[in-house]
């Protein structure tokens, strides 16, 4: 019979899984307490939470959250790096820490939008430009055809305007010529 404490942990973990944009499974065995504190601090600064979890509780929480594939990145003692914001920025924080991390620290894999990610896929995720840059690129791609379309619609109006201006500029001369013709008589 599960204890109330374990049921609460599963419910808390389920909520975290449902809100998470990226979950990274890490190997933390062999890290000293100081190194673990440094890991938590550096990842927290990047908006990533580190939680040491029990695999059985994670399996229950993942099943309840409708994400059973999450257990595919968990093996042995595990610390999860959980991000709730921009997944790409979180991946950059984790892989950035990994580059200078003590030897026992390692990344087993990630989990994003129902998909298990390998370490190589996490590294590829880091290469994606930040969200504001992607939005600017998309808007630029949308703007270019729209600007051409507006110019295409504007061309006939511009030509009509130029034609009317030419006619209006000739009108005083035409009126004077007609007036002179009328004065000269038939």
N, C-alpha and C. Protein backbone atom coordinates (compact mmCIF):
# COMPACT_ATOMS: atom_id res chain seq x y z
N UNK A 1 0.85 -1.18 0.00
CA UNK A 1 0.00 0.00 0.00
C UNK A 1 0.90 1.25 0.00
N UNK A 2 0.75 2.13 -0.99
CA UNK A 2 1.59 3.32 -1.04
C UNK A 2 1.26 4.29 0.09
N UNK A 3 2.29 4.96 0.55
CA UNK A 3 2.09 5.94 1.61
C UNK A 3 1.56 7.24 1.02
N UNK A 4 0.99 8.07 1.88
CA UNK A 4 0.45 9.35 1.44
C UNK A 4 1.58 10.23 0.87
N UNK A 5 2.75 10.14 1.48
CA UNK A 5 3.89 10.94 1.02
C UNK A 5 4.25 10.57 -0.42
N UNK A 6 4.28 9.27 -0.72
CA UNK A 6 4.62 8.84 -2.08
C UNK A 6 3.53 9.23 -3.07
N UNK A 7 2.27 9.16 -2.64
CA UNK A 7 1.17 9.56 -3.52
C UNK A 7 1.25 11.06 -3.81
N UNK A 8 1.63 11.84 -2.81
CA UNK A 8 1.81 13.29 -3.01
C UNK A 8 2.97 13.57 -3.96
N UNK A 9 4.06 12.80 -3.80
CA UNK A 9 5.21 12.97 -4.70
C UNK A 9 4.84 12.65 -6.14
N UNK A 10 4.06 11.58 -6.33
CA UNK A 10 3.63 11.20 -7.68
C UNK A 10 2.74 12.30 -8.27
N UNK A 11 1.82 12.82 -7.47
CA UNK A 11 0.93 13.89 -7.96
C UNK A 11 1.74 15.14 -8.31
N UNK A 12 2.72 15.48 -7.46
CA UNK A 12 3.57 16.65 -7.73
C UNK A 12 4.38 16.44 -9.01
N UNK A 13 4.96 15.27 -9.15
CA UNK A 13 5.76 14.95 -10.33
C UNK A 13 4.90 14.93 -11.59
N UNK A 14 3.69 14.43 -11.48
CA UNK A 14 2.74 14.41 -12.61
C UNK A 14 2.46 15.84 -13.07
N UNK A 15 2.22 16.73 -12.12
CA UNK A 15 1.97 18.14 -12.46
C UNK A 15 3.17 18.78 -13.13
N UNK A 16 4.36 18.46 -12.65
CA UNK A 16 5.58 19.00 -13.26
C UNK A 16 5.76 18.48 -14.68
N UNK A 17 5.49 17.21 -14.90
CA UNK A 17 5.61 16.62 -16.24
C UNK A 17 4.62 17.27 -17.19
N UNK A 18 3.41 17.50 -16.74
CA UNK A 18 2.38 18.10 -17.60
C UNK A 18 2.73 19.53 -17.99
N UNK A 19 3.38 20.27 -17.09
CA UNK A 19 3.74 21.67 -17.36
C UNK A 19 5.06 21.81 -18.11
N UNK A 20 5.89 20.77 -18.05
CA UNK A 20 7.25 20.85 -18.59
C UNK A 20 7.26 20.98 -20.10
N UNK A 21 8.18 21.82 -20.60
CA UNK A 21 8.40 21.93 -22.03
C UNK A 21 9.57 21.04 -22.45
N UNK A 22 10.47 20.76 -21.51
CA UNK A 22 11.62 19.89 -21.77
C UNK A 22 12.01 19.21 -20.47
N UNK A 23 12.26 17.91 -20.56
CA UNK A 23 12.75 17.13 -19.42
C UNK A 23 14.03 16.44 -19.89
N UNK A 24 15.11 16.60 -19.12
CA UNK A 24 16.38 15.98 -19.47
C UNK A 24 16.79 15.06 -18.34
N UNK A 25 17.11 13.82 -18.69
CA UNK A 25 17.55 12.83 -17.72
C UNK A 25 19.07 12.91 -17.60
N UNK A 26 19.55 13.03 -16.36
CA UNK A 26 21.00 13.17 -16.15
C UNK A 26 21.51 12.11 -15.19
N UNK A 27 22.78 11.79 -15.36
CA UNK A 27 23.51 10.89 -14.47
C UNK A 27 24.28 11.76 -13.50
N UNK A 28 23.97 11.65 -12.23
CA UNK A 28 24.61 12.52 -11.24
C UNK A 28 25.49 11.76 -10.26
N UNK A 29 25.50 10.43 -10.34
CA UNK A 29 26.31 9.65 -9.40
C UNK A 29 27.77 10.05 -9.49
N UNK A 30 28.40 10.23 -8.37
CA UNK A 30 29.80 10.59 -8.33
C UNK A 30 30.04 12.08 -8.13
N UNK A 31 28.98 12.88 -8.24
CA UNK A 31 29.14 14.32 -7.99
C UNK A 31 29.21 14.54 -6.48
N UNK A 32 30.06 15.46 -6.09
CA UNK A 32 30.13 15.82 -4.67
C UNK A 32 28.92 16.71 -4.35
N UNK A 33 28.70 16.93 -3.09
CA UNK A 33 27.59 17.79 -2.67
C UNK A 33 27.78 19.19 -3.24
N UNK A 34 29.01 19.68 -3.21
CA UNK A 34 29.29 21.01 -3.74
C UNK A 34 29.01 21.06 -5.25
N UNK A 35 29.42 20.03 -5.97
CA UNK A 35 29.18 19.99 -7.42
C UNK A 35 27.68 19.90 -7.72
N UNK A 36 26.96 19.16 -6.90
CA UNK A 36 25.50 19.05 -7.09
C UNK A 36 24.83 20.40 -6.81
N UNK A 37 25.28 21.10 -5.78
CA UNK A 37 24.74 22.43 -5.49
C UNK A 37 25.04 23.39 -6.63
N UNK A 38 26.25 23.30 -7.19
CA UNK A 38 26.62 24.15 -8.33
C UNK A 38 25.74 23.82 -9.54
N UNK A 39 25.50 22.54 -9.77
CA UNK A 39 24.61 22.11 -10.87
C UNK A 39 23.23 22.72 -10.70
N UNK A 40 22.66 22.57 -9.52
CA UNK A 40 21.32 23.12 -9.26
C UNK A 40 21.29 24.63 -9.44
N UNK A 41 22.29 25.33 -8.91
CA UNK A 41 22.33 26.79 -8.99
C UNK A 41 22.45 27.26 -10.44
N UNK A 42 23.37 26.67 -11.19
CA UNK A 42 23.59 27.12 -12.57
C UNK A 42 22.38 26.82 -13.46
N UNK A 43 21.76 25.67 -13.27
CA UNK A 43 20.59 25.37 -14.08
C UNK A 43 19.39 26.22 -13.65
N UNK A 44 19.26 26.46 -12.35
CA UNK A 44 18.16 27.31 -11.85
C UNK A 44 18.27 28.71 -12.44
N UNK A 45 19.50 29.23 -12.55
CA UNK A 45 19.71 30.55 -13.15
C UNK A 45 19.23 30.59 -14.60
N UNK A 46 19.27 29.45 -15.27
CA UNK A 46 18.81 29.35 -16.65
C UNK A 46 17.35 28.94 -16.76
N UNK A 47 16.64 28.90 -15.64
CA UNK A 47 15.22 28.56 -15.66
C UNK A 47 14.94 27.06 -15.69
N UNK A 48 15.92 26.27 -15.27
CA UNK A 48 15.76 24.81 -15.28
C UNK A 48 15.85 24.30 -13.85
N UNK A 49 14.90 23.47 -13.49
CA UNK A 49 14.84 22.91 -12.14
C UNK A 49 15.47 21.51 -12.14
N UNK A 50 16.22 21.18 -11.12
CA UNK A 50 16.83 19.86 -11.00
C UNK A 50 16.16 19.11 -9.85
N UNK A 51 15.69 17.91 -10.15
CA UNK A 51 15.03 17.07 -9.14
C UNK A 51 15.57 15.66 -9.21
N UNK A 52 16.04 15.15 -8.08
CA UNK A 52 16.43 13.75 -7.98
C UNK A 52 15.14 12.97 -7.74
N UNK A 53 14.91 11.97 -8.56
CA UNK A 53 13.63 11.24 -8.48
C UNK A 53 13.86 9.74 -8.33
N UNK A 54 12.82 9.09 -7.87
CA UNK A 54 12.82 7.63 -7.82
C UNK A 54 12.15 7.16 -9.11
N UNK A 55 12.78 6.20 -9.77
CA UNK A 55 12.29 5.74 -11.07
C UNK A 55 10.87 5.19 -11.01
N UNK A 56 10.55 4.47 -9.93
CA UNK A 56 9.20 3.90 -9.83
C UNK A 56 8.15 5.00 -9.71
N UNK A 57 8.46 6.05 -8.95
CA UNK A 57 7.52 7.16 -8.80
C UNK A 57 7.39 7.92 -10.13
N UNK A 58 8.50 8.06 -10.84
CA UNK A 58 8.46 8.72 -12.14
C UNK A 58 7.61 7.92 -13.13
N UNK A 59 7.76 6.60 -13.09
CA UNK A 59 6.97 5.75 -14.00
C UNK A 59 5.48 5.93 -13.73
N UNK A 60 5.10 5.97 -12.46
CA UNK A 60 3.68 6.18 -12.11
C UNK A 60 3.21 7.57 -12.56
N UNK A 61 4.02 8.58 -12.29
CA UNK A 61 3.64 9.96 -12.66
C UNK A 61 3.56 10.12 -14.17
N UNK A 62 4.50 9.53 -14.90
CA UNK A 62 4.50 9.63 -16.37
C UNK A 62 3.28 8.94 -16.94
N UNK A 63 2.92 7.81 -16.38
CA UNK A 63 1.73 7.08 -16.84
C UNK A 63 0.48 7.91 -16.57
N UNK A 64 0.37 8.51 -15.39
CA UNK A 64 -0.79 9.34 -15.06
C UNK A 64 -0.86 10.60 -15.92
N UNK A 65 0.30 11.11 -16.31
CA UNK A 65 0.35 12.33 -17.14
C UNK A 65 0.13 12.01 -18.61
N UNK A 66 0.02 10.73 -18.95
CA UNK A 66 -0.17 10.34 -20.34
C UNK A 66 1.11 10.42 -21.16
N UNK A 67 2.26 10.31 -20.51
CA UNK A 67 3.56 10.38 -21.18
C UNK A 67 4.42 9.18 -20.79
N UNK A 68 3.96 7.95 -21.05
CA UNK A 68 4.73 6.78 -20.62
C UNK A 68 6.09 6.66 -21.30
N UNK A 69 6.29 7.29 -22.45
CA UNK A 69 7.58 7.23 -23.15
C UNK A 69 8.69 7.91 -22.36
N UNK A 70 8.32 8.77 -21.43
CA UNK A 70 9.30 9.48 -20.60
C UNK A 70 10.21 8.51 -19.85
N UNK A 71 9.70 7.36 -19.50
CA UNK A 71 10.51 6.40 -18.75
C UNK A 71 11.63 5.81 -19.61
N UNK A 72 11.60 6.04 -20.91
CA UNK A 72 12.65 5.55 -21.80
C UNK A 72 13.99 6.24 -21.59
N UNK A 73 14.01 7.40 -20.96
CA UNK A 73 15.28 8.11 -20.74
C UNK A 73 15.80 7.94 -19.32
N UNK A 74 15.11 7.10 -18.53
CA UNK A 74 15.48 6.94 -17.12
C UNK A 74 16.09 5.56 -16.92
N UNK A 75 17.27 5.56 -16.30
CA UNK A 75 17.95 4.30 -16.02
C UNK A 75 18.85 4.52 -14.81
N UNK A 76 18.66 3.74 -13.78
CA UNK A 76 19.47 3.89 -12.58
C UNK A 76 19.13 5.18 -11.85
N UNK A 77 19.97 5.57 -10.89
CA UNK A 77 19.73 6.82 -10.16
C UNK A 77 19.69 8.00 -11.14
N UNK A 78 18.65 8.79 -11.03
CA UNK A 78 18.42 9.83 -12.03
C UNK A 78 18.09 11.17 -11.38
N UNK A 79 18.63 12.21 -11.98
CA UNK A 79 18.23 13.58 -11.65
C UNK A 79 17.62 14.14 -12.93
N UNK A 80 16.43 14.69 -12.80
CA UNK A 80 15.77 15.29 -13.96
C UNK A 80 16.00 16.79 -13.97
N UNK A 81 16.33 17.30 -15.12
CA UNK A 81 16.40 18.75 -15.34
C UNK A 81 15.10 19.09 -16.05
N UNK A 82 14.24 19.86 -15.40
CA UNK A 82 12.90 20.15 -15.91
C UNK A 82 12.80 21.64 -16.23
N UNK A 83 12.37 21.93 -17.46
CA UNK A 83 12.20 23.31 -17.89
C UNK A 83 10.72 23.55 -18.18
N UNK A 84 10.25 24.73 -17.81
CA UNK A 84 8.85 25.08 -18.03
C UNK A 84 8.70 26.20 -19.07
N UNK A 85 9.80 26.83 -19.44
CA UNK A 85 9.75 27.94 -20.40
C UNK A 85 10.17 27.47 -21.78
N UNK A 86 10.98 28.28 -22.42
CA UNK A 86 11.47 28.00 -23.76
C UNK A 86 12.36 26.76 -23.74
N UNK A 87 11.97 25.72 -24.47
CA UNK A 87 12.70 24.45 -24.48
C UNK A 87 14.08 24.61 -25.08
N UNK A 88 14.22 25.44 -26.08
CA UNK A 88 15.52 25.62 -26.74
C UNK A 88 16.51 26.28 -25.80
N UNK A 89 16.05 27.31 -25.10
CA UNK A 89 16.93 27.98 -24.14
C UNK A 89 17.31 27.02 -23.01
N UNK A 90 16.37 26.20 -22.57
CA UNK A 90 16.66 25.22 -21.52
C UNK A 90 17.69 24.20 -22.00
N UNK A 91 17.55 23.74 -23.24
CA UNK A 91 18.52 22.80 -23.81
C UNK A 91 19.90 23.44 -23.86
N UNK A 92 19.96 24.73 -24.18
CA UNK A 92 21.24 25.44 -24.22
C UNK A 92 21.87 25.49 -22.83
N UNK A 93 21.05 25.71 -21.80
CA UNK A 93 21.56 25.78 -20.43
C UNK A 93 22.14 24.42 -20.02
N UNK A 94 21.39 23.34 -20.31
CA UNK A 94 21.84 22.00 -19.89
C UNK A 94 23.09 21.59 -20.65
N UNK A 95 23.10 21.76 -21.97
CA UNK A 95 24.28 21.36 -22.74
C UNK A 95 25.47 22.28 -22.43
N UNK A 96 25.19 23.53 -22.10
CA UNK A 96 26.26 24.44 -21.69
C UNK A 96 26.91 23.97 -20.41
N UNK A 97 26.10 23.52 -19.45
CA UNK A 97 26.65 23.00 -18.20
C UNK A 97 27.42 21.70 -18.48
N UNK A 98 26.89 20.88 -19.38
CA UNK A 98 27.50 19.59 -19.69
C UNK A 98 28.93 19.76 -20.21
N UNK A 99 29.18 20.81 -20.97
CA UNK A 99 30.51 21.01 -21.55
C UNK A 99 31.59 21.21 -20.50
N UNK A 100 31.27 21.86 -19.40
CA UNK A 100 32.28 22.09 -18.36
C UNK A 100 32.01 21.29 -17.09
N UNK A 101 31.13 20.33 -17.17
CA UNK A 101 30.71 19.57 -15.98
C UNK A 101 31.79 18.59 -15.53
N UNK A 102 31.76 18.25 -14.24
CA UNK A 102 32.68 17.22 -13.74
C UNK A 102 32.43 15.90 -14.48
N UNK A 103 33.44 15.06 -14.53
CA UNK A 103 33.39 13.82 -15.32
C UNK A 103 32.21 12.92 -15.00
N UNK A 104 31.80 12.71 -13.76
CA UNK A 104 30.70 11.76 -13.56
C UNK A 104 29.35 12.25 -14.10
N UNK A 105 29.19 13.55 -14.32
CA UNK A 105 27.91 14.08 -14.79
C UNK A 105 27.74 13.76 -16.26
N UNK A 106 26.52 13.33 -16.62
CA UNK A 106 26.23 13.04 -18.02
C UNK A 106 24.75 13.19 -18.30
N UNK A 107 24.43 13.32 -19.55
CA UNK A 107 23.04 13.43 -19.98
C UNK A 107 22.68 12.14 -20.69
N UNK A 108 21.58 11.53 -20.29
CA UNK A 108 21.12 10.28 -20.92
C UNK A 108 20.22 10.55 -22.11
N UNK A 109 19.39 11.56 -21.97
CA UNK A 109 18.45 11.87 -23.05
C UNK A 109 17.47 12.92 -22.60
N UNK A 110 16.59 13.29 -23.50
CA UNK A 110 15.60 14.30 -23.19
C UNK A 110 14.22 13.86 -23.61
N UNK A 111 13.25 14.65 -23.22
CA UNK A 111 11.86 14.35 -23.54
C UNK A 111 11.16 15.68 -23.80
N UNK A 112 10.60 15.81 -25.00
CA UNK A 112 9.94 17.06 -25.37
C UNK A 112 8.75 16.74 -26.26
N UNK A 113 7.61 17.28 -25.91
CA UNK A 113 6.37 17.14 -26.68
C UNK A 113 6.06 15.68 -27.01
N UNK A 114 6.23 14.81 -26.02
CA UNK A 114 5.88 13.41 -26.19
C UNK A 114 6.93 12.58 -26.92
N UNK A 115 8.08 13.17 -27.23
CA UNK A 115 9.12 12.47 -27.97
C UNK A 115 10.39 12.34 -27.12
N UNK A 116 11.00 11.18 -27.19
CA UNK A 116 12.28 10.95 -26.51
C UNK A 116 13.38 11.51 -27.41
N UNK A 117 14.32 12.26 -26.83
CA UNK A 117 15.42 12.85 -27.57
C UNK A 117 16.75 12.26 -27.10
N UNK A 118 17.62 11.95 -28.04
CA UNK A 118 18.96 11.49 -27.70
C UNK A 118 19.82 12.70 -27.37
N UNK A 119 21.02 12.46 -26.88
CA UNK A 119 21.94 13.55 -26.58
C UNK A 119 22.26 14.34 -27.85
N UNK A 120 22.44 13.65 -28.97
CA UNK A 120 22.72 14.34 -30.24
C UNK A 120 21.54 15.21 -30.66
N UNK A 121 20.32 14.74 -30.46
CA UNK A 121 19.14 15.54 -30.80
C UNK A 121 19.06 16.78 -29.90
N UNK A 122 19.44 16.63 -28.64
CA UNK A 122 19.49 17.79 -27.74
C UNK A 122 20.51 18.81 -28.23
N UNK A 123 21.64 18.32 -28.68
CA UNK A 123 22.66 19.24 -29.22
C UNK A 123 22.17 19.93 -30.49
N UNK A 124 21.41 19.22 -31.31
CA UNK A 124 20.84 19.83 -32.52
C UNK A 124 19.79 20.89 -32.13
N UNK A 125 19.05 20.62 -31.09
CA UNK A 125 18.04 21.55 -30.61
C UNK A 125 18.67 22.89 -30.21
N UNK A 126 19.89 22.81 -29.69
CA UNK A 126 20.61 24.01 -29.26
C UNK A 126 20.93 24.90 -30.46
N UNK A 127 21.09 24.32 -31.62
CA UNK A 127 21.46 25.09 -32.82
C UNK A 127 20.30 25.90 -33.39
N UNK A 128 19.10 25.65 -32.94
CA UNK A 128 17.94 26.41 -33.42
C UNK A 128 18.03 27.81 -32.84
N UNK A 129 17.81 28.83 -33.66
CA UNK A 129 17.87 30.20 -33.14
C UNK A 129 16.81 30.44 -32.06
N UNK A 130 17.02 31.43 -31.20
CA UNK A 130 16.04 31.74 -30.16
C UNK A 130 14.68 32.13 -30.76
N UNK A 131 13.67 32.01 -29.96
CA UNK A 131 12.28 32.27 -30.40
C UNK A 131 12.10 33.64 -31.07
N UNK A 132 12.61 34.74 -30.47
CA UNK A 132 12.42 36.04 -31.13
C UNK A 132 13.04 36.10 -32.53
N UNK A 133 14.19 35.43 -32.70
CA UNK A 133 14.83 35.42 -34.01
C UNK A 133 13.99 34.62 -35.00
N UNK A 134 13.46 33.47 -34.56
CA UNK A 134 12.60 32.67 -35.44
C UNK A 134 11.35 33.44 -35.85
N UNK A 135 10.76 34.15 -34.90
CA UNK A 135 9.56 34.94 -35.21
C UNK A 135 9.91 36.03 -36.22
N UNK A 136 11.05 36.68 -36.04
CA UNK A 136 11.47 37.72 -36.98
C UNK A 136 11.70 37.14 -38.37
N UNK A 137 12.31 35.95 -38.43
CA UNK A 137 12.53 35.31 -39.73
C UNK A 137 11.21 34.97 -40.43
N UNK A 138 10.27 34.45 -39.67
CA UNK A 138 8.96 34.09 -40.24
C UNK A 138 8.23 35.34 -40.71
N UNK A 139 8.25 36.38 -39.89
CA UNK A 139 7.58 37.63 -40.29
C UNK A 139 8.24 38.23 -41.53
N UNK A 140 9.55 38.12 -41.62
CA UNK A 140 10.25 38.60 -42.81
C UNK A 140 9.84 37.83 -44.05
N UNK A 141 9.68 36.51 -43.89
CA UNK A 141 9.25 35.69 -45.01
C UNK A 141 7.82 36.02 -45.42
N UNK A 142 6.98 36.34 -44.46
CA UNK A 142 5.60 36.72 -44.77
C UNK A 142 5.52 38.11 -45.38
N UNK A 143 6.37 39.01 -44.92
CA UNK A 143 6.33 40.40 -45.36
C UNK A 143 6.73 40.55 -46.83
N UNK A 144 7.71 39.80 -47.28
CA UNK A 144 8.22 39.94 -48.63
C UNK A 144 7.14 39.72 -49.69
N UNK A 145 6.38 38.62 -49.68
CA UNK A 145 5.34 38.46 -50.69
C UNK A 145 4.22 39.49 -50.53
N UNK A 146 3.92 39.85 -49.28
CA UNK A 146 2.87 40.84 -49.07
C UNK A 146 3.27 42.20 -49.62
N UNK A 147 4.53 42.57 -49.46
CA UNK A 147 5.00 43.85 -49.99
C UNK A 147 4.91 43.84 -51.52
N UNK A 148 5.25 42.74 -52.15
CA UNK A 148 5.13 42.62 -53.60
C UNK A 148 3.68 42.71 -54.05
N UNK A 149 2.79 42.10 -53.30
CA UNK A 149 1.36 42.13 -53.62
C UNK A 149 0.81 43.55 -53.50
N UNK A 150 1.20 44.24 -52.45
CA UNK A 150 0.76 45.63 -52.26
C UNK A 150 1.27 46.49 -53.40
N UNK A 151 2.53 46.30 -53.78
CA UNK A 151 3.09 47.08 -54.89
C UNK A 151 2.34 46.78 -56.18
N UNK A 152 1.96 45.53 -56.39
CA UNK A 152 1.20 45.13 -57.58
C UNK A 152 -0.17 45.80 -57.59
N UNK A 153 -0.82 45.85 -56.44
CA UNK A 153 -2.12 46.52 -56.36
C UNK A 153 -1.99 48.02 -56.48
N UNK A 154 -0.89 48.56 -56.01
CA UNK A 154 -0.67 50.00 -56.01
C UNK A 154 -0.30 50.54 -57.39
N UNK A 155 0.29 49.73 -58.25
CA UNK A 155 0.78 50.19 -59.56
C UNK A 155 -0.31 50.81 -60.43
N UNK A 156 -1.48 50.17 -60.62
CA UNK A 156 -2.50 50.81 -61.46
C UNK A 156 -2.99 52.14 -60.88
N UNK A 157 -3.13 52.22 -59.56
CA UNK A 157 -3.56 53.47 -58.94
C UNK A 157 -2.52 54.56 -59.13
N UNK A 158 -1.27 54.20 -59.02
CA UNK A 158 -0.19 55.16 -59.20
C UNK A 158 -0.18 55.66 -60.65
N UNK A 159 -0.37 54.74 -61.61
CA UNK A 159 -0.39 55.14 -63.02
C UNK A 159 -1.59 56.05 -63.32
N UNK A 160 -2.75 55.73 -62.74
CA UNK A 160 -3.94 56.56 -62.93
C UNK A 160 -3.70 57.94 -62.34
N UNK A 161 -3.10 58.00 -61.17
CA UNK A 161 -2.80 59.27 -60.53
C UNK A 161 -1.85 60.10 -61.39
N UNK A 162 -0.81 59.46 -61.93
CA UNK A 162 0.13 60.19 -62.79
C UNK A 162 -0.56 60.69 -64.07
N UNK A 163 -1.45 59.89 -64.63
CA UNK A 163 -2.19 60.29 -65.83
C UNK A 163 -3.08 61.49 -65.54
N UNK A 164 -3.80 61.44 -64.42
CA UNK A 164 -4.66 62.57 -64.05
C UNK A 164 -3.84 63.82 -63.78
N UNK A 165 -2.69 63.68 -63.12
CA UNK A 165 -1.83 64.84 -62.88
C UNK A 165 -1.33 65.44 -64.20
N UNK A 166 -1.00 64.59 -65.16
CA UNK A 166 -0.54 65.09 -66.46
C UNK A 166 -1.66 65.84 -67.16
N UNK A 167 -2.86 65.26 -67.09
CA UNK A 167 -4.00 65.93 -67.73
C UNK A 167 -4.31 67.26 -67.04
N UNK A 168 -4.26 67.28 -65.73
CA UNK A 168 -4.52 68.51 -64.99
C UNK A 168 -3.46 69.57 -65.27
N UNK A 169 -2.24 69.15 -65.45
CA UNK A 169 -1.19 70.13 -65.73
C UNK A 169 -1.35 70.71 -67.15
N UNK A 170 -1.96 69.96 -68.06
CA UNK A 170 -2.19 70.46 -69.42
C UNK A 170 -3.48 71.29 -69.51
N UNK A 171 -4.37 71.15 -68.57
CA UNK A 171 -5.68 71.80 -68.60
C UNK A 171 -5.61 73.32 -68.73
N UNK A 172 -4.78 74.04 -67.97
CA UNK A 172 -4.74 75.50 -68.14
C UNK A 172 -4.33 75.91 -69.56
N UNK A 173 -3.37 75.21 -70.15
CA UNK A 173 -2.97 75.52 -71.52
C UNK A 173 -4.08 75.27 -72.51
N UNK A 174 -4.82 74.19 -72.31
CA UNK A 174 -5.94 73.87 -73.20
C UNK A 174 -7.05 74.91 -73.07
N UNK A 175 -7.32 75.36 -71.85
CA UNK A 175 -8.36 76.38 -71.63
C UNK A 175 -7.95 77.69 -72.30
N UNK A 176 -6.70 78.07 -72.15
CA UNK A 176 -6.22 79.31 -72.79
C UNK A 176 -6.30 79.20 -74.32
N UNK A 177 -5.93 78.04 -74.85
CA UNK A 177 -5.97 77.86 -76.31
C UNK A 177 -7.40 77.92 -76.81
N UNK A 178 -8.31 77.31 -76.09
CA UNK A 178 -9.73 77.32 -76.50
C UNK A 178 -10.29 78.73 -76.39
N UNK A 179 -9.90 79.45 -75.31
CA UNK A 179 -10.37 80.84 -75.14
C UNK A 179 -9.85 81.71 -76.29
N UNK A 180 -8.61 81.50 -76.67
CA UNK A 180 -8.05 82.28 -77.78
C UNK A 180 -8.76 81.92 -79.09
N UNK A 181 -9.12 80.71 -79.25
CA UNK A 181 -9.82 80.24 -80.45
C UNK A 181 -11.21 80.87 -80.51
N UNK A 182 -11.87 80.93 -79.36
CA UNK A 182 -13.22 81.49 -79.30
C UNK A 182 -13.18 83.02 -79.56
N UNK A 183 -12.17 83.68 -79.08
CA UNK A 183 -12.02 85.11 -79.29
C UNK A 183 -11.73 85.42 -80.76
N UNK A 184 -11.00 84.58 -81.41
CA UNK A 184 -10.66 84.81 -82.80
C UNK A 184 -11.89 84.65 -83.68
N UNK A 185 -12.82 83.93 -83.21
CA UNK A 185 -14.06 83.76 -83.94
C UNK A 185 -13.96 82.70 -85.02
N UNK A 186 -15.15 82.49 -85.66
CA UNK A 186 -15.18 81.45 -86.68
C UNK A 186 -14.68 81.87 -88.02
